[in-house]
Amino acid sequence: MRFMLNLQLLALRDDIIVKVWDSDGAIGSLKINQQDGGLSAAGVVSDLLHLFASLVP
């Protein structure tokens, strides 16, 4: 299964939206709020792994 990772920074620069989709069109997304301290490296990696796992049957 193939994954494409699309990272977007919102105009307000408070949030980072991560959208992940596979070749079948299954979509997952993750919102990271910078003001909540959500940008720790370990937290982001953990959240991304959970996001990928949610798309794998």
Protein backbone atom coordinates (compact mmCIF):
# COMPACT_ATOMS: atom_id res chain seq x y z
CA MET A 1 0.00 0.00 0.00
CA ARG A 2 1.30 3.45 -0.88
CA PHE A 3 1.03 6.54 1.28
CA MET A 4 1.36 10.15 0.30
CA LEU A 5 2.00 12.65 3.09
CA ASN A 6 0.75 16.19 2.70
CA LEU A 7 1.75 18.78 5.33
CA GLN A 8 -0.05 22.11 5.52
CA LEU A 9 0.60 25.16 7.70
CA LEU A 10 -2.52 27.19 8.32
CA ALA A 11 -2.48 30.95 7.76
CA LEU A 12 -2.77 31.64 11.49
CA ARG A 13 0.36 29.56 12.12
CA ASP A 14 -1.24 28.07 15.24
CA ASP A 15 -1.97 24.64 13.78
CA ILE A 16 -0.31 22.10 11.56
CA ILE A 17 -2.62 19.81 9.63
CA VAL A 18 -1.25 16.48 8.45
CA LYS A 19 -3.33 14.60 5.90
CA VAL A 20 -2.46 11.08 4.84
CA TRP A 21 -4.15 9.11 2.09
CA ASP A 22 -3.49 5.86 0.30
CA SER A 23 -3.99 4.83 -3.30
CA ASP A 24 -7.54 3.63 -2.50
CA GLY A 25 -8.51 7.07 -1.24
CA ALA A 26 -8.65 6.24 2.47
CA ILE A 27 -7.96 9.46 4.35
CA GLY A 28 -6.66 10.19 7.80
CA SER A 29 -5.77 13.54 9.31
CA LEU A 30 -4.00 14.88 12.34
CA LYS A 31 -4.18 18.40 13.78
CA ILE A 32 -1.25 19.60 15.90
CA ASN A 33 -1.79 22.79 17.87
CA GLN A 34 1.49 24.59 18.55
CA GLN A 35 0.10 26.59 21.49
CA ASP A 36 -0.75 23.39 23.38
CA GLY A 37 2.90 22.28 23.19
CA GLY A 38 1.93 19.65 20.63
CA LEU A 39 5.14 19.93 18.65
CA SER A 40 7.41 17.70 20.71
CA ALA A 41 9.25 15.36 18.36
CA ALA A 42 8.20 12.20 20.22
CA GLY A 43 4.57 13.28 20.34
CA VAL A 44 4.42 14.09 16.62
CA VAL A 45 6.08 10.80 15.62
CA SER A 46 3.74 8.85 17.89
CA ASP A 47 0.68 10.65 16.49
CA LEU A 48 1.84 10.04 12.90
CA LEU A 49 2.38 6.33 13.56
CA HIS A 50 -1.16 6.06 14.97
CA LEU A 51 -2.46 7.92 11.92
CA PHE A 52 -0.72 5.52 9.51
CA ALA A 53 -1.91 2.52 11.54
CA SER A 54 -5.51 3.73 11.28
CA LEU A 55 -5.31 3.47 7.48
CA VAL A 56 -3.86 -0.04 7.34
CA PRO A 57 -6.55 -2.72 7.32
